[in-house]
């Protein structure tokens, strides 16, 4: 009985080592974008910044504009407002706008921004999950100028699908914040 038990175990081991074909999941599309190059945005507003050359500026009204990224099917909406004793209201509105996405967002990461040399202070919000906007920001000099921005894609929010484009455009938004200068 002992010998038959050893033979049976060996047969099971040999049969168990057979490679089985396992179906593989569908491949995900790999999106790669060219390295960003920047040029100074040329306008008659109270602020300037470096703009990605892949973006196209649209709708420049009252110093509010849209940077359209046709290759990524998205846009960064930038709004300018003068500070006229209403800084607290402007800050509250900008923060509310960022947290309106909390219903669909998995997480909202706040990253303060301070550039004392150019007097640019603000906040960058990185939104993860299936929210309508993946990034929001605001910057101000706390006295005269206030700029907000939001990233939107022209597609139903699906975080996994838009993640490569969102990461690319978040770098552009940070570049806008880092290079923003007030004209006055």
N, C-alpha and C. Protein backbone atom coordinates (compact mmCIF):
# COMPACT_ATOMS: atom_id res chain seq x y z
N UNK A 1 0.82 -1.19 0.00
CA UNK A 1 0.00 0.00 0.00
C UNK A 1 0.87 1.25 0.00
N UNK A 2 1.96 1.19 0.70
CA UNK A 2 2.85 2.33 0.78
C UNK A 2 3.46 2.64 -0.58
N UNK A 3 3.83 1.59 -1.33
CA UNK A 3 4.42 1.75 -2.66
C UNK A 3 3.39 2.32 -3.65
N UNK A 4 2.17 1.86 -3.58
CA UNK A 4 1.13 2.35 -4.49
C UNK A 4 0.80 3.83 -4.18
N UNK A 5 0.89 4.19 -2.96
CA UNK A 5 0.66 5.58 -2.55
C UNK A 5 1.73 6.50 -3.13
N UNK A 6 2.97 6.09 -3.13
CA UNK A 6 4.09 6.88 -3.69
C UNK A 6 3.93 6.99 -5.19
N UNK A 7 3.55 5.91 -5.87
CA UNK A 7 3.36 5.93 -7.32
C UNK A 7 2.20 6.88 -7.67
N UNK A 8 1.11 6.82 -6.91
CA UNK A 8 -0.03 7.70 -7.15
C UNK A 8 0.34 9.17 -6.97
N UNK A 9 1.11 9.48 -5.95
CA UNK A 9 1.56 10.86 -5.70
C UNK A 9 2.45 11.34 -6.84
N UNK A 10 3.35 10.49 -7.32
CA UNK A 10 4.23 10.87 -8.43
C UNK A 10 3.42 11.12 -9.70
N UNK A 11 2.42 10.30 -9.97
CA UNK A 11 1.58 10.50 -11.15
C UNK A 11 0.83 11.83 -11.04
N UNK A 12 0.29 12.13 -9.86
CA UNK A 12 -0.42 13.39 -9.66
C UNK A 12 0.51 14.59 -9.83
N UNK A 13 1.73 14.48 -9.34
CA UNK A 13 2.69 15.56 -9.47
C UNK A 13 3.03 15.79 -10.94
N UNK A 14 3.26 14.72 -11.68
CA UNK A 14 3.59 14.85 -13.10
C UNK A 14 2.43 15.44 -13.90
N UNK A 15 1.22 15.02 -13.59
CA UNK A 15 0.06 15.55 -14.29
C UNK A 15 -0.22 17.00 -13.89
N UNK A 16 0.08 17.35 -12.65
CA UNK A 16 -0.17 18.70 -12.14
C UNK A 16 0.80 19.73 -12.68
N UNK A 17 1.91 19.34 -13.25
CA UNK A 17 2.92 20.27 -13.74
C UNK A 17 2.69 20.69 -15.18
N UNK A 18 1.61 20.33 -15.74
CA UNK A 18 1.29 20.67 -17.13
C UNK A 18 0.93 22.16 -17.22
N UNK A 19 1.47 22.85 -18.25
CA UNK A 19 1.15 24.26 -18.46
C UNK A 19 -0.24 24.38 -19.05
N UNK A 20 -1.07 25.17 -18.40
CA UNK A 20 -2.41 25.42 -18.92
C UNK A 20 -2.43 26.79 -19.58
N UNK A 21 -3.20 26.91 -20.62
CA UNK A 21 -3.35 28.18 -21.30
C UNK A 21 -4.34 29.03 -20.51
N UNK A 22 -3.86 30.21 -20.14
CA UNK A 22 -4.70 31.13 -19.37
C UNK A 22 -4.93 32.35 -20.25
N UNK A 23 -6.20 32.74 -20.44
CA UNK A 23 -6.45 33.92 -21.28
C UNK A 23 -5.87 35.17 -20.64
N UNK A 24 -5.27 36.01 -21.45
CA UNK A 24 -4.67 37.25 -20.97
C UNK A 24 -5.68 38.39 -21.11
N UNK A 25 -5.63 39.36 -20.21
CA UNK A 25 -6.55 40.50 -20.32
C UNK A 25 -6.23 41.33 -21.57
N UNK A 26 -7.23 42.07 -22.03
CA UNK A 26 -7.03 42.95 -23.18
C UNK A 26 -5.97 43.99 -22.86
N UNK A 27 -5.18 44.33 -23.83
CA UNK A 27 -4.12 45.33 -23.64
C UNK A 27 -4.73 46.72 -23.55
N UNK A 28 -4.10 47.57 -22.76
CA UNK A 28 -4.53 48.96 -22.65
C UNK A 28 -3.75 49.80 -23.66
N UNK A 29 -4.38 50.80 -24.20
CA UNK A 29 -3.75 51.70 -25.15
C UNK A 29 -2.67 52.50 -24.42
N UNK A 30 -1.47 52.53 -24.99
CA UNK A 30 -0.40 53.29 -24.38
C UNK A 30 -0.32 54.65 -25.05
N UNK A 31 -0.55 55.69 -24.29
CA UNK A 31 -0.53 57.04 -24.83
C UNK A 31 0.76 57.73 -24.43
N UNK A 32 1.48 58.20 -25.44
CA UNK A 32 2.70 58.96 -25.19
C UNK A 32 2.58 60.28 -25.90
N UNK A 33 3.02 61.33 -25.25
CA UNK A 33 2.93 62.66 -25.80
C UNK A 33 4.33 63.23 -25.96
N UNK A 34 4.52 64.14 -26.91
CA UNK A 34 5.86 64.72 -27.10
C UNK A 34 6.28 65.53 -25.88
N UNK A 35 7.59 65.70 -25.74
CA UNK A 35 8.10 66.54 -24.66
C UNK A 35 7.57 67.95 -24.84
N UNK A 36 7.22 68.55 -23.74
CA UNK A 36 6.64 69.89 -23.77
C UNK A 36 7.71 70.93 -24.07
N UNK A 37 7.37 71.88 -24.92
CA UNK A 37 8.18 73.07 -25.13
C UNK A 37 7.28 74.26 -24.84
N UNK A 38 7.86 75.30 -24.28
CA UNK A 38 7.07 76.42 -23.80
C UNK A 38 7.51 77.73 -24.44
N UNK A 39 6.56 78.62 -24.59
CA UNK A 39 6.85 79.98 -25.05
C UNK A 39 6.01 80.94 -24.20
N UNK A 40 6.45 82.17 -24.11
CA UNK A 40 5.75 83.16 -23.30
C UNK A 40 4.42 83.52 -23.96
N UNK A 41 3.35 83.44 -23.20
CA UNK A 41 2.02 83.80 -23.69
C UNK A 41 2.01 85.30 -23.97
N UNK A 42 1.56 85.66 -25.14
CA UNK A 42 1.55 87.07 -25.53
C UNK A 42 0.12 87.58 -25.50
N UNK A 43 -0.18 88.47 -24.57
CA UNK A 43 -1.51 89.08 -24.51
C UNK A 43 -1.40 90.45 -23.84
N UNK A 44 -2.51 91.12 -23.74
CA UNK A 44 -2.53 92.46 -23.15
C UNK A 44 -3.15 92.44 -21.75
N UNK A 45 -3.04 91.33 -21.07
CA UNK A 45 -3.63 91.18 -19.74
C UNK A 45 -2.66 91.61 -18.66
N UNK A 46 -3.11 91.50 -17.43
CA UNK A 46 -2.29 91.88 -16.27
C UNK A 46 -1.38 90.76 -15.80
N UNK A 47 -1.25 89.73 -16.60
CA UNK A 47 -0.39 88.62 -16.22
C UNK A 47 0.13 87.93 -17.49
N UNK A 48 1.27 87.25 -17.34
CA UNK A 48 1.84 86.44 -18.41
C UNK A 48 2.30 85.13 -17.80
N UNK A 49 2.46 84.13 -18.63
CA UNK A 49 3.00 82.84 -18.21
C UNK A 49 3.51 82.10 -19.42
N UNK A 50 4.25 81.04 -19.19
CA UNK A 50 4.74 80.21 -20.29
C UNK A 50 3.67 79.19 -20.65
N UNK A 51 3.39 79.11 -21.94
CA UNK A 51 2.34 78.24 -22.46
C UNK A 51 2.97 77.13 -23.29
N UNK A 52 2.45 75.92 -23.16
CA UNK A 52 2.91 74.79 -23.96
C UNK A 52 2.60 75.08 -25.43
N UNK A 53 3.57 74.83 -26.30
CA UNK A 53 3.36 75.12 -27.73
C UNK A 53 2.36 74.15 -28.37
N UNK A 54 2.01 73.06 -27.69
CA UNK A 54 0.98 72.15 -28.20
C UNK A 54 -0.42 72.70 -27.97
N UNK A 55 -0.54 73.69 -27.10
CA UNK A 55 -1.86 74.25 -26.79
C UNK A 55 -2.18 75.40 -27.74
N UNK A 56 -3.47 75.61 -27.93
CA UNK A 56 -3.98 76.69 -28.77
C UNK A 56 -4.82 77.60 -27.89
N UNK A 57 -4.48 78.89 -27.84
CA UNK A 57 -5.25 79.83 -27.03
C UNK A 57 -6.54 80.20 -27.75
N UNK A 58 -7.64 80.11 -27.00
CA UNK A 58 -8.95 80.47 -27.55
C UNK A 58 -9.67 81.41 -26.58
N UNK A 59 -10.62 82.15 -27.10
CA UNK A 59 -11.53 82.97 -26.29
C UNK A 59 -10.83 83.83 -25.25
N UNK A 60 -10.07 84.77 -25.68
CA UNK A 60 -9.43 85.69 -24.73
C UNK A 60 -10.36 86.88 -24.51
N UNK A 61 -11.19 86.81 -23.49
CA UNK A 61 -12.12 87.88 -23.14
C UNK A 61 -11.86 88.31 -21.69
N UNK A 62 -11.76 89.59 -21.48
CA UNK A 62 -11.53 90.11 -20.13
C UNK A 62 -10.39 89.40 -19.43
N UNK A 63 -9.36 89.06 -20.19
CA UNK A 63 -8.17 88.37 -19.69
C UNK A 63 -8.46 86.96 -19.18
N UNK A 64 -9.61 86.42 -19.52
CA UNK A 64 -9.91 85.01 -19.26
C UNK A 64 -9.75 84.28 -20.58
N UNK A 65 -9.21 83.08 -20.55
CA UNK A 65 -8.90 82.39 -21.79
C UNK A 65 -9.01 80.89 -21.64
N UNK A 66 -8.93 80.22 -22.77
CA UNK A 66 -8.97 78.76 -22.81
C UNK A 66 -7.73 78.29 -23.55
N UNK A 67 -6.97 77.40 -22.92
CA UNK A 67 -5.85 76.74 -23.60
C UNK A 67 -6.36 75.38 -24.04
N UNK A 68 -6.54 75.21 -25.34
CA UNK A 68 -7.09 73.98 -25.89
C UNK A 68 -5.95 73.05 -26.30
N UNK A 69 -6.07 71.77 -25.95
CA UNK A 69 -5.11 70.75 -26.31
C UNK A 69 -5.81 69.73 -27.21
N UNK A 70 -5.85 69.99 -28.53
CA UNK A 70 -6.60 69.11 -29.43
C UNK A 70 -6.09 67.67 -29.42
N UNK A 71 -4.79 67.48 -29.25
CA UNK A 71 -4.20 66.15 -29.26
C UNK A 71 -4.71 65.29 -28.09
N UNK A 72 -5.10 65.95 -27.00
CA UNK A 72 -5.54 65.23 -25.80
C UNK A 72 -7.02 65.37 -25.54
N UNK A 73 -7.70 66.11 -26.40
CA UNK A 73 -9.14 66.29 -26.26
C UNK A 73 -9.51 66.93 -24.92
N UNK A 74 -8.73 67.94 -24.55
CA UNK A 74 -8.98 68.62 -23.29
C UNK A 74 -8.61 70.09 -23.35
N UNK A 75 -8.99 70.81 -22.31
CA UNK A 75 -8.70 72.24 -22.24
C UNK A 75 -8.45 72.67 -20.80
N UNK A 76 -7.66 73.72 -20.66
CA UNK A 76 -7.46 74.37 -19.37
C UNK A 76 -8.15 75.73 -19.48
N UNK A 77 -9.15 75.93 -18.64
CA UNK A 77 -9.91 77.18 -18.60
C UNK A 77 -9.29 78.08 -17.55
N UNK A 78 -8.88 79.27 -17.96
CA UNK A 78 -8.23 80.22 -17.06
C UNK A 78 -9.09 81.47 -16.96
N UNK A 79 -9.38 81.88 -15.74
CA UNK A 79 -10.23 83.03 -15.48
C UNK A 79 -9.46 84.07 -14.67
N UNK A 80 -9.53 85.32 -15.09
CA UNK A 80 -8.89 86.41 -14.38
C UNK A 80 -9.95 87.30 -13.74
N UNK A 81 -9.68 87.70 -12.50
CA UNK A 81 -10.56 88.66 -11.81
C UNK A 81 -9.68 89.65 -11.06
N UNK A 82 -10.16 90.88 -10.98
CA UNK A 82 -9.47 91.89 -10.18
C UNK A 82 -9.87 91.72 -8.72
N UNK A 83 -8.91 91.94 -7.85
CA UNK A 83 -9.21 91.93 -6.41
C UNK A 83 -9.60 93.35 -6.04
N UNK A 84 -10.83 93.49 -5.57
CA UNK A 84 -11.34 94.81 -5.19
C UNK A 84 -11.99 94.71 -3.82
N UNK A 85 -11.18 94.33 -2.84
CA UNK A 85 -11.70 94.14 -1.49
C UNK A 85 -12.48 92.85 -1.33
N UNK A 86 -12.43 91.98 -2.31
CA UNK A 86 -13.22 90.75 -2.29
C UNK A 86 -12.34 89.50 -2.32
N UNK A 87 -11.13 89.59 -1.82
CA UNK A 87 -10.20 88.46 -1.85
C UNK A 87 -10.77 87.25 -1.13
N UNK A 88 -11.37 87.45 0.03
CA UNK A 88 -11.94 86.33 0.79
C UNK A 88 -13.00 85.60 -0.03
N UNK A 89 -13.87 86.35 -0.71
CA UNK A 89 -14.92 85.75 -1.54
C UNK A 89 -14.30 84.98 -2.71
N UNK A 90 -13.30 85.57 -3.36
CA UNK A 90 -12.64 84.89 -4.48
C UNK A 90 -11.98 83.59 -4.03
N UNK A 91 -11.31 83.62 -2.89
CA UNK A 91 -10.67 82.41 -2.35
C UNK A 91 -11.71 81.35 -2.01
N UNK A 92 -12.79 81.75 -1.37
CA UNK A 92 -13.85 80.81 -1.00
C UNK A 92 -14.46 80.18 -2.24
N UNK A 93 -14.74 80.99 -3.27
CA UNK A 93 -15.32 80.46 -4.50
C UNK A 93 -14.37 79.48 -5.19
N UNK A 94 -13.09 79.79 -5.23
CA UNK A 94 -12.11 78.91 -5.87
C UNK A 94 -12.01 77.58 -5.12
N UNK A 95 -12.03 77.63 -3.80
CA UNK A 95 -11.96 76.40 -3.01
C UNK A 95 -13.23 75.58 -3.15
N UNK A 96 -14.39 76.25 -3.17
CA UNK A 96 -15.66 75.54 -3.36
C UNK A 96 -15.69 74.82 -4.70
N UNK A 97 -15.22 75.51 -5.75
CA UNK A 97 -15.20 74.92 -7.09
C UNK A 97 -14.38 73.63 -7.10
N UNK A 98 -13.26 73.63 -6.41
CA UNK A 98 -12.43 72.43 -6.36
C UNK A 98 -13.12 71.30 -5.62
N UNK A 99 -13.83 71.63 -4.56
CA UNK A 99 -14.45 70.57 -3.76
C UNK A 99 -15.84 70.17 -4.23
N UNK A 100 -16.35 70.80 -5.29
CA UNK A 100 -17.61 70.33 -5.89
C UNK A 100 -17.42 68.96 -6.53
N UNK A 101 -16.17 68.60 -6.81
CA UNK A 101 -15.87 67.32 -7.47
C UNK A 101 -15.70 66.18 -6.46
N UNK A 102 -15.85 66.47 -5.18
CA UNK A 102 -15.61 65.47 -4.15
C UNK A 102 -16.59 64.29 -4.25
N UNK A 103 -17.75 64.50 -4.84
CA UNK A 103 -18.75 63.43 -4.96
C UNK A 103 -18.21 62.29 -5.82
N UNK A 104 -17.56 62.61 -6.93
CA UNK A 104 -17.03 61.60 -7.85
C UNK A 104 -15.55 61.29 -7.62
N UNK A 105 -14.86 62.17 -6.93
CA UNK A 105 -13.42 62.02 -6.75
C UNK A 105 -13.09 60.97 -5.70
N UNK A 106 -11.99 60.27 -5.94
CA UNK A 106 -11.47 59.34 -4.93
C UNK A 106 -10.63 60.10 -3.91
N UNK A 107 -9.96 61.15 -4.37
CA UNK A 107 -9.09 61.92 -3.48
C UNK A 107 -8.85 63.29 -4.11
N UNK A 108 -8.69 64.31 -3.29
CA UNK A 108 -8.29 65.63 -3.74
C UNK A 108 -7.07 66.02 -2.92
N UNK A 109 -5.94 66.17 -3.62
CA UNK A 109 -4.68 66.50 -2.98
C UNK A 109 -4.42 67.99 -3.15
N UNK A 110 -4.27 68.71 -2.05
CA UNK A 110 -3.98 70.14 -2.07
C UNK A 110 -2.48 70.35 -2.00
N UNK A 111 -1.96 71.20 -2.88
CA UNK A 111 -0.53 71.50 -2.89
C UNK A 111 -0.36 73.02 -2.92
N UNK A 112 0.02 73.62 -1.79
CA UNK A 112 0.20 75.08 -1.76
C UNK A 112 1.33 75.51 -2.69
N UNK A 113 1.21 76.73 -3.22
CA UNK A 113 2.22 77.29 -4.11
C UNK A 113 2.59 78.67 -3.60
N UNK A 114 3.89 78.91 -3.45
CA UNK A 114 4.37 80.21 -2.97
C UNK A 114 5.59 80.61 -3.80
N UNK A 115 5.49 81.78 -4.44
CA UNK A 115 6.61 82.38 -5.17
C UNK A 115 6.71 83.82 -4.68
N UNK A 116 7.48 84.02 -3.61
CA UNK A 116 7.56 85.34 -2.99
C UNK A 116 8.26 86.35 -3.90
N UNK A 117 9.19 85.90 -4.72
CA UNK A 117 9.93 86.81 -5.61
C UNK A 117 8.99 87.52 -6.58
N UNK A 118 8.05 86.77 -7.18
CA UNK A 118 7.10 87.36 -8.13
C UNK A 118 5.74 87.66 -7.51
N UNK A 119 5.63 87.47 -6.21
CA UNK A 119 4.38 87.72 -5.47
C UNK A 119 3.21 86.92 -6.04
N UNK A 120 3.43 85.62 -6.19
CA UNK A 120 2.40 84.71 -6.69
C UNK A 120 2.17 83.65 -5.62
N UNK A 121 0.95 83.59 -5.11
CA UNK A 121 0.60 82.66 -4.04
C UNK A 121 -0.67 81.93 -4.45
N UNK A 122 -0.74 80.65 -4.15
CA UNK A 122 -1.94 79.93 -4.55
C UNK A 122 -1.99 78.50 -4.08
N UNK A 123 -2.85 77.74 -4.76
CA UNK A 123 -3.08 76.34 -4.41
C UNK A 123 -3.33 75.55 -5.69
N UNK A 124 -2.76 74.36 -5.74
CA UNK A 124 -3.00 73.42 -6.85
C UNK A 124 -3.75 72.24 -6.27
N UNK A 125 -4.85 71.86 -6.92
CA UNK A 125 -5.66 70.73 -6.48
C UNK A 125 -5.54 69.62 -7.52
N UNK A 126 -5.06 68.48 -7.10
CA UNK A 126 -4.98 67.31 -7.97
C UNK A 126 -6.13 66.38 -7.59
N UNK A 127 -7.01 66.14 -8.54
CA UNK A 127 -8.22 65.36 -8.30
C UNK A 127 -8.04 63.99 -8.93
N UNK A 128 -8.17 62.93 -8.14
CA UNK A 128 -8.10 61.57 -8.70
C UNK A 128 -9.47 60.92 -8.62
N UNK A 129 -9.78 60.11 -9.60
CA UNK A 129 -11.09 59.47 -9.68
C UNK A 129 -11.84 59.96 -10.90
N UNK A 130 -13.09 59.58 -11.01
CA UNK A 130 -13.91 59.90 -12.18
C UNK A 130 -14.61 61.24 -12.07
N UNK A 131 -13.89 62.25 -11.60
CA UNK A 131 -14.46 63.60 -11.47
C UNK A 131 -14.42 64.31 -12.81
N UNK A 132 -15.23 65.34 -12.96
CA UNK A 132 -15.29 66.09 -14.21
C UNK A 132 -13.98 66.82 -14.50
N UNK A 133 -13.32 67.34 -13.48
CA UNK A 133 -12.06 68.06 -13.64
C UNK A 133 -10.97 67.33 -12.87
N UNK A 134 -9.83 67.12 -13.51
CA UNK A 134 -8.72 66.41 -12.86
C UNK A 134 -7.78 67.34 -12.11
N UNK A 135 -7.84 68.62 -12.41
CA UNK A 135 -6.96 69.59 -11.75
C UNK A 135 -7.64 70.95 -11.68
N UNK A 136 -7.36 71.65 -10.61
CA UNK A 136 -7.85 73.01 -10.41
C UNK A 136 -6.71 73.79 -9.75
N UNK A 137 -6.69 75.09 -9.97
CA UNK A 137 -5.71 75.91 -9.27
C UNK A 137 -6.21 77.34 -9.15
N UNK A 138 -5.60 78.06 -8.24
CA UNK A 138 -5.77 79.51 -8.18
C UNK A 138 -4.46 80.13 -7.75
N UNK A 139 -4.21 81.34 -8.22
CA UNK A 139 -3.05 82.12 -7.81
C UNK A 139 -3.49 83.57 -7.66
N UNK A 140 -2.80 84.28 -6.78
CA UNK A 140 -3.13 85.68 -6.50
C UNK A 140 -1.89 86.40 -5.99
N UNK A 141 -1.91 87.71 -6.08
CA UNK A 141 -0.89 88.51 -5.41
C UNK A 141 -1.43 89.06 -4.10
N UNK A 142 -2.68 88.73 -3.79
CA UNK A 142 -3.39 89.11 -2.57
C UNK A 142 -3.80 90.58 -2.52
N UNK A 143 -3.47 91.35 -3.55
CA UNK A 143 -3.79 92.77 -3.54
C UNK A 143 -4.64 93.18 -4.76
N UNK A 144 -4.17 92.80 -5.97
CA UNK A 144 -4.81 93.28 -7.19
C UNK A 144 -5.36 92.19 -8.11
N UNK A 145 -4.71 91.03 -8.14
CA UNK A 145 -4.98 90.03 -9.18
C UNK A 145 -5.38 88.68 -8.59
N UNK A 146 -6.26 88.00 -9.33
CA UNK A 146 -6.69 86.65 -8.93
C UNK A 146 -6.96 85.84 -10.21
N UNK A 147 -6.30 84.69 -10.34
CA UNK A 147 -6.44 83.83 -11.51
C UNK A 147 -6.81 82.43 -11.04
N UNK A 148 -7.84 81.86 -11.66
CA UNK A 148 -8.20 80.46 -11.39
C UNK A 148 -8.08 79.67 -12.68
N UNK A 149 -7.92 78.37 -12.54
CA UNK A 149 -7.84 77.51 -13.71
C UNK A 149 -8.40 76.14 -13.42
N UNK A 150 -8.97 75.51 -14.46
CA UNK A 150 -9.55 74.18 -14.34
C UNK A 150 -9.25 73.38 -15.59
N UNK A 151 -8.95 72.11 -15.39
CA UNK A 151 -8.69 71.19 -16.50
C UNK A 151 -9.93 70.35 -16.75
N UNK A 152 -10.39 70.33 -17.99
CA UNK A 152 -11.53 69.50 -18.38
C UNK A 152 -11.21 68.74 -19.65
N UNK A 153 -11.71 67.53 -19.74
CA UNK A 153 -11.59 66.73 -20.95
C UNK A 153 -12.95 66.65 -21.63
N UNK A 154 -12.93 66.56 -22.96
CA UNK A 154 -14.18 66.46 -23.72
C UNK A 154 -14.57 65.00 -23.89
N UNK A 155 -14.72 64.33 -22.77
CA UNK A 155 -15.09 62.92 -22.76
C UNK A 155 -15.70 62.61 -21.41
N UNK A 156 -16.46 61.52 -21.35
CA UNK A 156 -17.02 61.08 -20.07
C UNK A 156 -15.85 60.73 -19.15
N UNK A 157 -15.87 61.21 -17.91
CA UNK A 157 -14.74 60.96 -17.02
C UNK A 157 -14.53 59.46 -16.77
N UNK A 158 -13.37 58.98 -17.14
CA UNK A 158 -12.93 57.62 -16.83
C UNK A 158 -11.46 57.76 -16.47
N UNK A 159 -11.18 57.77 -15.19
CA UNK A 159 -9.86 58.11 -14.68
C UNK A 159 -8.75 57.29 -15.32
N UNK A 160 -8.96 55.99 -15.48
CA UNK A 160 -7.92 55.14 -16.06
C UNK A 160 -7.60 55.54 -17.49
N UNK A 161 -8.60 55.92 -18.25
CA UNK A 161 -8.39 56.26 -19.65
C UNK A 161 -7.71 57.60 -19.84
N UNK A 162 -8.05 58.58 -19.02
CA UNK A 162 -7.50 59.92 -19.21
C UNK A 162 -6.26 60.19 -18.37
N UNK A 163 -5.84 59.24 -17.56
CA UNK A 163 -4.72 59.47 -16.64
C UNK A 163 -3.45 59.95 -17.35
N UNK A 164 -3.01 59.34 -18.46
CA UNK A 164 -1.77 59.86 -19.10
C UNK A 164 -1.90 61.32 -19.53
N UNK A 165 -3.03 61.68 -20.12
CA UNK A 165 -3.23 63.06 -20.53
C UNK A 165 -3.35 63.98 -19.32
N UNK A 166 -4.02 63.52 -18.27
CA UNK A 166 -4.18 64.33 -17.06
C UNK A 166 -2.83 64.63 -16.42
N UNK A 167 -1.96 63.64 -16.35
CA UNK A 167 -0.63 63.83 -15.76
C UNK A 167 0.16 64.83 -16.60
N UNK A 168 0.10 64.69 -17.92
CA UNK A 168 0.80 65.61 -18.82
C UNK A 168 0.31 67.05 -18.62
N UNK A 169 -1.00 67.24 -18.57
CA UNK A 169 -1.55 68.58 -18.44
C UNK A 169 -1.37 69.14 -17.03
N UNK A 170 -1.30 68.29 -16.02
CA UNK A 170 -1.01 68.77 -14.67
C UNK A 170 0.38 69.39 -14.62
N UNK A 171 1.32 68.81 -15.36
CA UNK A 171 2.67 69.41 -15.43
C UNK A 171 2.60 70.78 -16.10
N UNK A 172 1.77 70.90 -17.13
CA UNK A 172 1.60 72.20 -17.78
C UNK A 172 0.99 73.23 -16.83
N UNK A 173 0.01 72.81 -16.06
CA UNK A 173 -0.62 73.73 -15.11
C UNK A 173 0.39 74.18 -14.07
N UNK A 174 1.20 73.26 -13.59
CA UNK A 174 2.24 73.66 -12.62
C UNK A 174 3.21 74.65 -13.26
N UNK A 175 3.53 74.43 -14.53
CA UNK A 175 4.42 75.35 -15.25
C UNK A 175 3.78 76.73 -15.36
N UNK A 176 2.48 76.77 -15.63
CA UNK A 176 1.77 78.05 -15.68
C UNK A 176 1.90 78.76 -14.34
N UNK A 177 1.68 78.04 -13.25
CA UNK A 177 1.78 78.65 -11.92
C UNK A 177 3.20 79.13 -11.64
N UNK A 178 4.18 78.33 -12.00
CA UNK A 178 5.58 78.65 -11.70
C UNK A 178 6.10 79.84 -12.51
N UNK A 179 5.57 80.04 -13.72
CA UNK A 179 6.08 81.10 -14.59
C UNK A 179 5.18 82.32 -14.65
N UNK A 180 4.06 82.30 -13.92
CA UNK A 180 3.13 83.41 -13.95
C UNK A 180 3.75 84.65 -13.31
N UNK A 181 3.61 85.76 -14.01
CA UNK A 181 4.11 87.05 -13.51
C UNK A 181 3.02 88.09 -13.72
N UNK A 182 2.90 88.99 -12.76
CA UNK A 182 1.94 90.08 -12.86
C UNK A 182 2.57 91.21 -13.65
N UNK A 183 1.80 91.88 -14.48
CA UNK A 183 2.33 92.96 -15.33
C UNK A 183 2.51 94.27 -14.59
N UNK A 184 1.73 94.51 -13.59
CA UNK A 184 1.82 95.78 -12.85
C UNK A 184 2.81 95.70 -11.73
